[in-house]
Amino acid sequence: MGGGSPKQFGLGRKLRIKQGRDFARLRSKGERLAHGCLVANWLSLSGDLPSRLGVITSGKIGNAVVRNRARRLMREVFRLHRHELIQPVDLVLVARQSLTTKNFGEVEKDFLQTLRKAGLLKQIES
C-alpha cells in the first residue's frame, strides 16, 4: 500500500457538526448571512480547534436524492476551501431551493461570496 491515507482528504467525523445542541447554539449565538443558494450560520472558535461543518437540507427542496446531492455539494465546497478560513469556525450551511438547479461551480461561487461578505476568508492577492 502506497502513499498517504485517503482519510486525510476527507471530511471526517471530527469535522462535522452532528449534535442538535450544536446547531441550536449556532442559531442562537452565531452570526447569519444569506446569499445565493445557501444560508450560512457561524460561530468563531478558539485557535486550537478545527473548523467544523453542519449542513441542513429541508424536505421542501426535494426528495431524498435531491437533498443528498445538496449535502454532498455543500460538504465538498467546505472541504476544498476550509484551509482558506481566517480562523476556526463552526459553520452550518442551509440549502435554499435554488441550490437544486445549480452545478458545483455555481454552489462554490455562492459559498465563497458568502464567506467573503462575512469576512471569514483570507485575502488572496492576485
N, C-alpha and C. Protein backbone atom coordinates (compact mmCIF):
# COMPACT_ATOMS: atom_id res chain seq x y z
N MET A 1 0.85 -1.17 0.00
CA MET A 1 0.00 0.00 0.00
C MET A 1 0.89 1.23 0.00
N GLY A 2 0.64 2.12 -0.95
CA GLY A 2 1.50 3.28 -1.04
C GLY A 2 0.78 4.56 -0.73
N GLY A 3 1.56 5.61 -0.57
CA GLY A 3 1.02 6.94 -0.40
C GLY A 3 0.35 7.18 0.94
N GLY A 4 -0.22 8.35 1.05
CA GLY A 4 -0.90 8.74 2.28
C GLY A 4 -2.29 8.15 2.37
N SER A 5 -2.84 8.23 3.53
CA SER A 5 -4.17 7.71 3.77
C SER A 5 -5.21 8.62 3.10
N PRO A 6 -6.21 8.05 2.42
CA PRO A 6 -7.24 8.87 1.80
C PRO A 6 -8.08 9.62 2.84
N LYS A 7 -8.06 9.18 4.09
CA LYS A 7 -8.81 9.84 5.16
C LYS A 7 -8.39 11.29 5.32
N GLN A 8 -7.11 11.59 5.07
CA GLN A 8 -6.62 12.94 5.30
C GLN A 8 -7.29 13.96 4.38
N PHE A 9 -7.87 13.50 3.28
CA PHE A 9 -8.51 14.41 2.34
C PHE A 9 -10.01 14.51 2.55
N GLY A 10 -10.55 13.65 3.39
CA GLY A 10 -12.00 13.63 3.60
C GLY A 10 -12.47 14.67 4.60
N LEU A 11 -13.73 14.59 4.89
CA LEU A 11 -14.34 15.44 5.90
C LEU A 11 -14.81 14.50 7.00
N GLY A 12 -13.88 14.14 7.86
CA GLY A 12 -14.12 13.12 8.87
C GLY A 12 -15.12 13.52 9.93
N ARG A 13 -15.41 12.61 10.79
CA ARG A 13 -16.40 12.78 11.85
C ARG A 13 -16.09 13.98 12.74
N LYS A 14 -14.82 14.21 13.04
CA LYS A 14 -14.44 15.31 13.93
C LYS A 14 -14.67 16.68 13.29
N LEU A 15 -14.84 16.70 11.98
CA LEU A 15 -15.03 17.97 11.27
C LEU A 15 -16.49 18.23 10.93
N ARG A 16 -17.40 17.43 11.47
CA ARG A 16 -18.82 17.60 11.19
C ARG A 16 -19.58 17.94 12.46
N ILE A 17 -20.57 18.78 12.31
CA ILE A 17 -21.48 19.10 13.42
C ILE A 17 -22.66 18.16 13.30
N LYS A 18 -22.90 17.37 14.33
CA LYS A 18 -23.98 16.38 14.27
C LYS A 18 -25.01 16.56 15.39
N GLN A 19 -24.60 17.14 16.52
CA GLN A 19 -25.47 17.26 17.68
C GLN A 19 -26.48 18.39 17.52
N GLY A 20 -27.71 18.13 17.87
CA GLY A 20 -28.76 19.14 17.80
C GLY A 20 -28.43 20.35 18.65
N ARG A 21 -27.78 20.14 19.80
CA ARG A 21 -27.45 21.28 20.67
C ARG A 21 -26.42 22.19 20.02
N ASP A 22 -25.53 21.64 19.19
CA ASP A 22 -24.56 22.47 18.48
C ASP A 22 -25.25 23.33 17.42
N PHE A 23 -26.22 22.75 16.71
CA PHE A 23 -26.98 23.51 15.73
C PHE A 23 -27.75 24.64 16.43
N ALA A 24 -28.36 24.32 17.59
CA ALA A 24 -29.13 25.32 18.34
C ALA A 24 -28.23 26.43 18.86
N ARG A 25 -27.03 26.09 19.32
CA ARG A 25 -26.08 27.09 19.83
C ARG A 25 -25.68 28.05 18.72
N LEU A 26 -25.43 27.51 17.54
CA LEU A 26 -25.07 28.36 16.41
C LEU A 26 -26.22 29.28 16.03
N ARG A 27 -27.42 28.75 16.06
CA ARG A 27 -28.58 29.56 15.68
C ARG A 27 -28.81 30.70 16.67
N SER A 28 -28.60 30.44 17.95
CA SER A 28 -28.88 31.47 18.95
C SER A 28 -27.72 32.44 19.16
N LYS A 29 -26.48 31.95 19.14
CA LYS A 29 -25.34 32.81 19.46
C LYS A 29 -24.51 33.22 18.25
N GLY A 30 -24.68 32.53 17.15
CA GLY A 30 -23.84 32.78 15.99
C GLY A 30 -24.34 33.90 15.10
N GLU A 31 -23.60 34.14 14.04
CA GLU A 31 -23.96 35.14 13.05
C GLU A 31 -24.56 34.43 11.84
N ARG A 32 -25.31 35.20 11.03
CA ARG A 32 -26.04 34.60 9.92
C ARG A 32 -25.95 35.49 8.70
N LEU A 33 -25.80 34.86 7.54
CA LEU A 33 -25.76 35.60 6.29
C LEU A 33 -26.34 34.71 5.19
N ALA A 34 -27.28 35.27 4.42
CA ALA A 34 -27.88 34.54 3.30
C ALA A 34 -27.40 35.17 2.00
N HIS A 35 -26.98 34.30 1.08
CA HIS A 35 -26.54 34.78 -0.23
C HIS A 35 -26.68 33.64 -1.22
N GLY A 36 -27.25 33.94 -2.37
CA GLY A 36 -27.35 32.94 -3.43
C GLY A 36 -28.16 31.73 -3.01
N CYS A 37 -27.58 30.57 -3.18
CA CYS A 37 -28.31 29.32 -2.96
C CYS A 37 -28.15 28.76 -1.56
N LEU A 38 -27.52 29.52 -0.65
CA LEU A 38 -27.35 28.98 0.70
C LEU A 38 -27.39 30.07 1.76
N VAL A 39 -27.60 29.61 2.98
CA VAL A 39 -27.58 30.46 4.16
C VAL A 39 -26.47 29.94 5.05
N ALA A 40 -25.62 30.83 5.55
CA ALA A 40 -24.52 30.43 6.42
C ALA A 40 -24.75 30.95 7.84
N ASN A 41 -24.62 30.06 8.81
CA ASN A 41 -24.62 30.42 10.23
C ASN A 41 -23.26 30.01 10.76
N TRP A 42 -22.60 30.90 11.51
CA TRP A 42 -21.27 30.54 12.01
C TRP A 42 -21.01 31.14 13.37
N LEU A 43 -20.06 30.53 14.06
CA LEU A 43 -19.61 30.97 15.36
C LEU A 43 -18.12 30.73 15.43
N SER A 44 -17.35 31.76 15.77
CA SER A 44 -15.89 31.64 15.85
C SER A 44 -15.50 30.72 16.99
N LEU A 45 -14.41 29.99 16.79
CA LEU A 45 -13.88 29.07 17.79
C LEU A 45 -12.49 29.54 18.23
N SER A 46 -11.99 28.95 19.31
CA SER A 46 -10.62 29.27 19.72
C SER A 46 -9.63 28.68 18.71
N GLY A 47 -8.43 29.23 18.67
CA GLY A 47 -7.44 28.91 17.65
C GLY A 47 -6.99 27.48 17.53
N ASP A 48 -7.13 26.68 18.58
CA ASP A 48 -6.59 25.32 18.53
C ASP A 48 -7.61 24.27 18.09
N LEU A 49 -8.86 24.67 17.84
CA LEU A 49 -9.88 23.72 17.41
C LEU A 49 -10.01 23.76 15.89
N PRO A 50 -10.35 22.63 15.26
CA PRO A 50 -10.56 22.63 13.80
C PRO A 50 -11.93 23.21 13.45
N SER A 51 -12.05 23.75 12.26
CA SER A 51 -13.35 24.22 11.77
C SER A 51 -14.25 23.02 11.52
N ARG A 52 -15.53 23.17 11.85
CA ARG A 52 -16.48 22.08 11.65
C ARG A 52 -17.64 22.56 10.79
N LEU A 53 -18.27 21.61 10.11
CA LEU A 53 -19.38 21.93 9.22
C LEU A 53 -20.61 21.11 9.57
N GLY A 54 -21.75 21.78 9.51
CA GLY A 54 -23.04 21.11 9.59
C GLY A 54 -23.85 21.54 8.38
N VAL A 55 -24.66 20.65 7.85
CA VAL A 55 -25.49 21.00 6.70
C VAL A 55 -26.95 20.69 7.02
N ILE A 56 -27.83 21.56 6.50
CA ILE A 56 -29.27 21.38 6.69
C ILE A 56 -29.92 21.42 5.33
N THR A 57 -30.68 20.39 5.03
CA THR A 57 -31.46 20.36 3.79
C THR A 57 -32.89 20.00 4.15
N SER A 58 -33.78 20.93 3.94
CA SER A 58 -35.19 20.74 4.28
C SER A 58 -35.87 19.86 3.24
N GLY A 59 -36.91 19.21 3.67
CA GLY A 59 -37.72 18.41 2.75
C GLY A 59 -38.37 19.26 1.67
N LYS A 60 -38.43 20.57 1.91
CA LYS A 60 -39.05 21.48 0.93
C LYS A 60 -38.25 21.58 -0.36
N ILE A 61 -36.95 21.27 -0.31
CA ILE A 61 -36.14 21.44 -1.53
C ILE A 61 -36.25 20.24 -2.47
N GLY A 62 -36.76 19.13 -1.98
CA GLY A 62 -36.91 17.99 -2.87
C GLY A 62 -36.88 16.66 -2.14
N ASN A 63 -36.86 15.59 -2.92
CA ASN A 63 -36.85 14.25 -2.35
C ASN A 63 -35.44 13.90 -1.82
N ALA A 64 -35.28 12.69 -1.35
CA ALA A 64 -34.02 12.27 -0.73
C ALA A 64 -32.83 12.39 -1.67
N VAL A 65 -33.02 12.07 -2.93
CA VAL A 65 -31.94 12.15 -3.90
C VAL A 65 -31.46 13.60 -4.03
N VAL A 66 -32.39 14.51 -4.14
CA VAL A 66 -32.07 15.94 -4.27
C VAL A 66 -31.39 16.46 -3.01
N ARG A 67 -31.92 16.09 -1.85
CA ARG A 67 -31.33 16.55 -0.58
C ARG A 67 -29.92 16.00 -0.40
N ASN A 68 -29.70 14.74 -0.73
CA ASN A 68 -28.36 14.15 -0.60
C ASN A 68 -27.36 14.82 -1.53
N ARG A 69 -27.77 15.14 -2.75
CA ARG A 69 -26.89 15.84 -3.69
C ARG A 69 -26.53 17.21 -3.13
N ALA A 70 -27.50 17.91 -2.56
CA ALA A 70 -27.25 19.23 -1.97
C ALA A 70 -26.24 19.12 -0.82
N ARG A 71 -26.41 18.12 0.02
CA ARG A 71 -25.47 17.93 1.15
C ARG A 71 -24.06 17.62 0.63
N ARG A 72 -23.96 16.77 -0.37
CA ARG A 72 -22.64 16.44 -0.92
C ARG A 72 -21.96 17.68 -1.51
N LEU A 73 -22.71 18.49 -2.24
CA LEU A 73 -22.13 19.70 -2.83
C LEU A 73 -21.61 20.65 -1.74
N MET A 74 -22.43 20.88 -0.72
CA MET A 74 -22.01 21.82 0.34
C MET A 74 -20.81 21.29 1.12
N ARG A 75 -20.79 19.99 1.42
CA ARG A 75 -19.65 19.42 2.15
C ARG A 75 -18.38 19.50 1.32
N GLU A 76 -18.48 19.23 0.02
CA GLU A 76 -17.30 19.25 -0.84
C GLU A 76 -16.73 20.67 -0.97
N VAL A 77 -17.60 21.65 -1.12
CA VAL A 77 -17.13 23.04 -1.21
C VAL A 77 -16.41 23.43 0.08
N PHE A 78 -16.97 23.07 1.22
CA PHE A 78 -16.32 23.36 2.50
C PHE A 78 -14.98 22.64 2.60
N ARG A 79 -14.96 21.37 2.21
CA ARG A 79 -13.73 20.58 2.30
C ARG A 79 -12.61 21.22 1.48
N LEU A 80 -12.93 21.69 0.29
CA LEU A 80 -11.91 22.27 -0.58
C LEU A 80 -11.41 23.64 -0.11
N HIS A 81 -12.23 24.37 0.62
CA HIS A 81 -11.87 25.74 0.98
C HIS A 81 -11.69 25.98 2.47
N ARG A 82 -11.75 24.94 3.29
CA ARG A 82 -11.66 25.18 4.74
C ARG A 82 -10.30 25.73 5.15
N HIS A 83 -9.25 25.46 4.39
CA HIS A 83 -7.92 25.98 4.71
C HIS A 83 -7.81 27.48 4.44
N GLU A 84 -8.78 28.06 3.75
CA GLU A 84 -8.77 29.50 3.44
C GLU A 84 -9.46 30.34 4.51
N LEU A 85 -10.02 29.69 5.54
CA LEU A 85 -10.69 30.43 6.60
C LEU A 85 -9.67 31.18 7.46
N ILE A 86 -10.02 32.41 7.85
CA ILE A 86 -9.14 33.24 8.67
C ILE A 86 -8.93 32.60 10.04
N GLN A 87 -9.99 32.06 10.61
CA GLN A 87 -9.94 31.46 11.94
C GLN A 87 -10.87 30.25 11.96
N PRO A 88 -10.70 29.37 12.93
CA PRO A 88 -11.59 28.21 13.03
C PRO A 88 -13.02 28.66 13.35
N VAL A 89 -13.99 28.04 12.70
CA VAL A 89 -15.40 28.34 12.94
C VAL A 89 -16.22 27.07 12.94
N ASP A 90 -17.35 27.13 13.65
CA ASP A 90 -18.40 26.14 13.46
C ASP A 90 -19.32 26.77 12.44
N LEU A 91 -19.54 26.10 11.32
CA LEU A 91 -20.30 26.64 10.22
C LEU A 91 -21.45 25.71 9.87
N VAL A 92 -22.65 26.27 9.80
CA VAL A 92 -23.81 25.50 9.35
C VAL A 92 -24.29 26.12 8.06
N LEU A 93 -24.39 25.30 7.03
CA LEU A 93 -24.90 25.74 5.74
C LEU A 93 -26.31 25.18 5.55
N VAL A 94 -27.23 26.05 5.16
CA VAL A 94 -28.61 25.66 4.91
C VAL A 94 -28.87 25.82 3.42
N ALA A 95 -29.31 24.75 2.79
CA ALA A 95 -29.59 24.78 1.35
C ALA A 95 -30.89 25.51 1.09
N ARG A 96 -30.87 26.37 0.07
CA ARG A 96 -32.08 27.02 -0.39
C ARG A 96 -32.58 26.26 -1.63
N GLN A 97 -33.82 26.49 -1.99
CA GLN A 97 -34.44 25.81 -3.12
C GLN A 97 -33.60 25.95 -4.39
N SER A 98 -32.99 27.11 -4.61
CA SER A 98 -32.24 27.36 -5.84
C SER A 98 -31.01 26.47 -5.98
N LEU A 99 -30.53 25.89 -4.90
CA LEU A 99 -29.35 25.02 -4.96
C LEU A 99 -29.61 23.79 -5.83
N THR A 100 -30.84 23.36 -5.90
CA THR A 100 -31.15 22.12 -6.62
C THR A 100 -30.89 22.23 -8.11
N THR A 101 -30.86 23.44 -8.66
CA THR A 101 -30.65 23.61 -10.09
C THR A 101 -29.22 24.03 -10.43
N LYS A 102 -28.37 24.14 -9.43
CA LYS A 102 -27.01 24.63 -9.66
C LYS A 102 -26.01 23.49 -9.76
N ASN A 103 -24.92 23.77 -10.49
CA ASN A 103 -23.84 22.80 -10.57
C ASN A 103 -22.79 23.13 -9.50
N PHE A 104 -21.75 22.33 -9.42
CA PHE A 104 -20.75 22.51 -8.38
C PHE A 104 -20.11 23.90 -8.43
N GLY A 105 -19.75 24.37 -9.61
CA GLY A 105 -19.10 25.66 -9.75
C GLY A 105 -19.95 26.81 -9.25
N GLU A 106 -21.25 26.75 -9.49
CA GLU A 106 -22.16 27.80 -9.04
C GLU A 106 -22.32 27.77 -7.52
N VAL A 107 -22.41 26.58 -6.94
CA VAL A 107 -22.50 26.45 -5.49
C VAL A 107 -21.22 26.96 -4.85
N GLU A 108 -20.07 26.61 -5.43
CA GLU A 108 -18.78 27.06 -4.92
C GLU A 108 -18.69 28.59 -4.96
N LYS A 109 -19.14 29.18 -6.04
CA LYS A 109 -19.12 30.64 -6.18
C LYS A 109 -19.97 31.31 -5.09
N ASP A 110 -21.19 30.80 -4.87
CA ASP A 110 -22.06 31.35 -3.83
C ASP A 110 -21.44 31.17 -2.44
N PHE A 111 -20.84 30.02 -2.20
CA PHE A 111 -20.19 29.75 -0.91
C PHE A 111 -19.06 30.75 -0.66
N LEU A 112 -18.19 30.94 -1.64
CA LEU A 112 -17.06 31.85 -1.47
C LEU A 112 -17.52 33.29 -1.31
N GLN A 113 -18.52 33.71 -2.07
CA GLN A 113 -19.05 35.07 -1.93
C GLN A 113 -19.65 35.28 -0.56
N THR A 114 -20.36 34.29 -0.05
CA THR A 114 -20.96 34.39 1.27
C THR A 114 -19.89 34.55 2.34
N LEU A 115 -18.86 33.71 2.28
CA LEU A 115 -17.80 33.79 3.30
C LEU A 115 -16.98 35.07 3.18
N ARG A 116 -16.81 35.57 1.96
CA ARG A 116 -16.11 36.86 1.80
C ARG A 116 -16.92 37.99 2.42
N LYS A 117 -18.23 38.00 2.17
CA LYS A 117 -19.10 39.02 2.77
C LYS A 117 -19.05 38.96 4.29
N ALA A 118 -18.95 37.75 4.81
CA ALA A 118 -18.92 37.55 6.25
C ALA A 118 -17.55 37.87 6.85
N GLY A 119 -16.54 38.06 5.99
CA GLY A 119 -15.19 38.35 6.48
C GLY A 119 -14.49 37.12 7.04
N LEU A 120 -14.84 35.95 6.56
CA LEU A 120 -14.26 34.72 7.09
C LEU A 120 -13.11 34.17 6.24
N LEU A 121 -12.92 34.68 5.04
CA LEU A 121 -11.88 34.16 4.15
C LEU A 121 -10.64 35.02 4.17
N LYS A 122 -9.49 34.37 4.04
CA LYS A 122 -8.23 35.09 3.91
C LYS A 122 -8.24 35.85 2.59
N GLN A 123 -7.60 37.01 2.59
CA GLN A 123 -7.49 37.80 1.35
C GLN A 123 -6.41 37.17 0.48
N ILE A 124 -6.77 36.79 -0.73
CA ILE A 124 -5.81 36.17 -1.64
C ILE A 124 -5.36 37.25 -2.61
N GLU A 125 -4.05 37.48 -2.64
CA GLU A 125 -3.50 38.50 -3.53
C GLU A 125 -3.43 37.95 -4.95
N SER A 126 -3.80 38.81 -5.92
CA SER A 126 -3.78 38.38 -7.32
C SER A 126 -2.58 38.93 -8.04
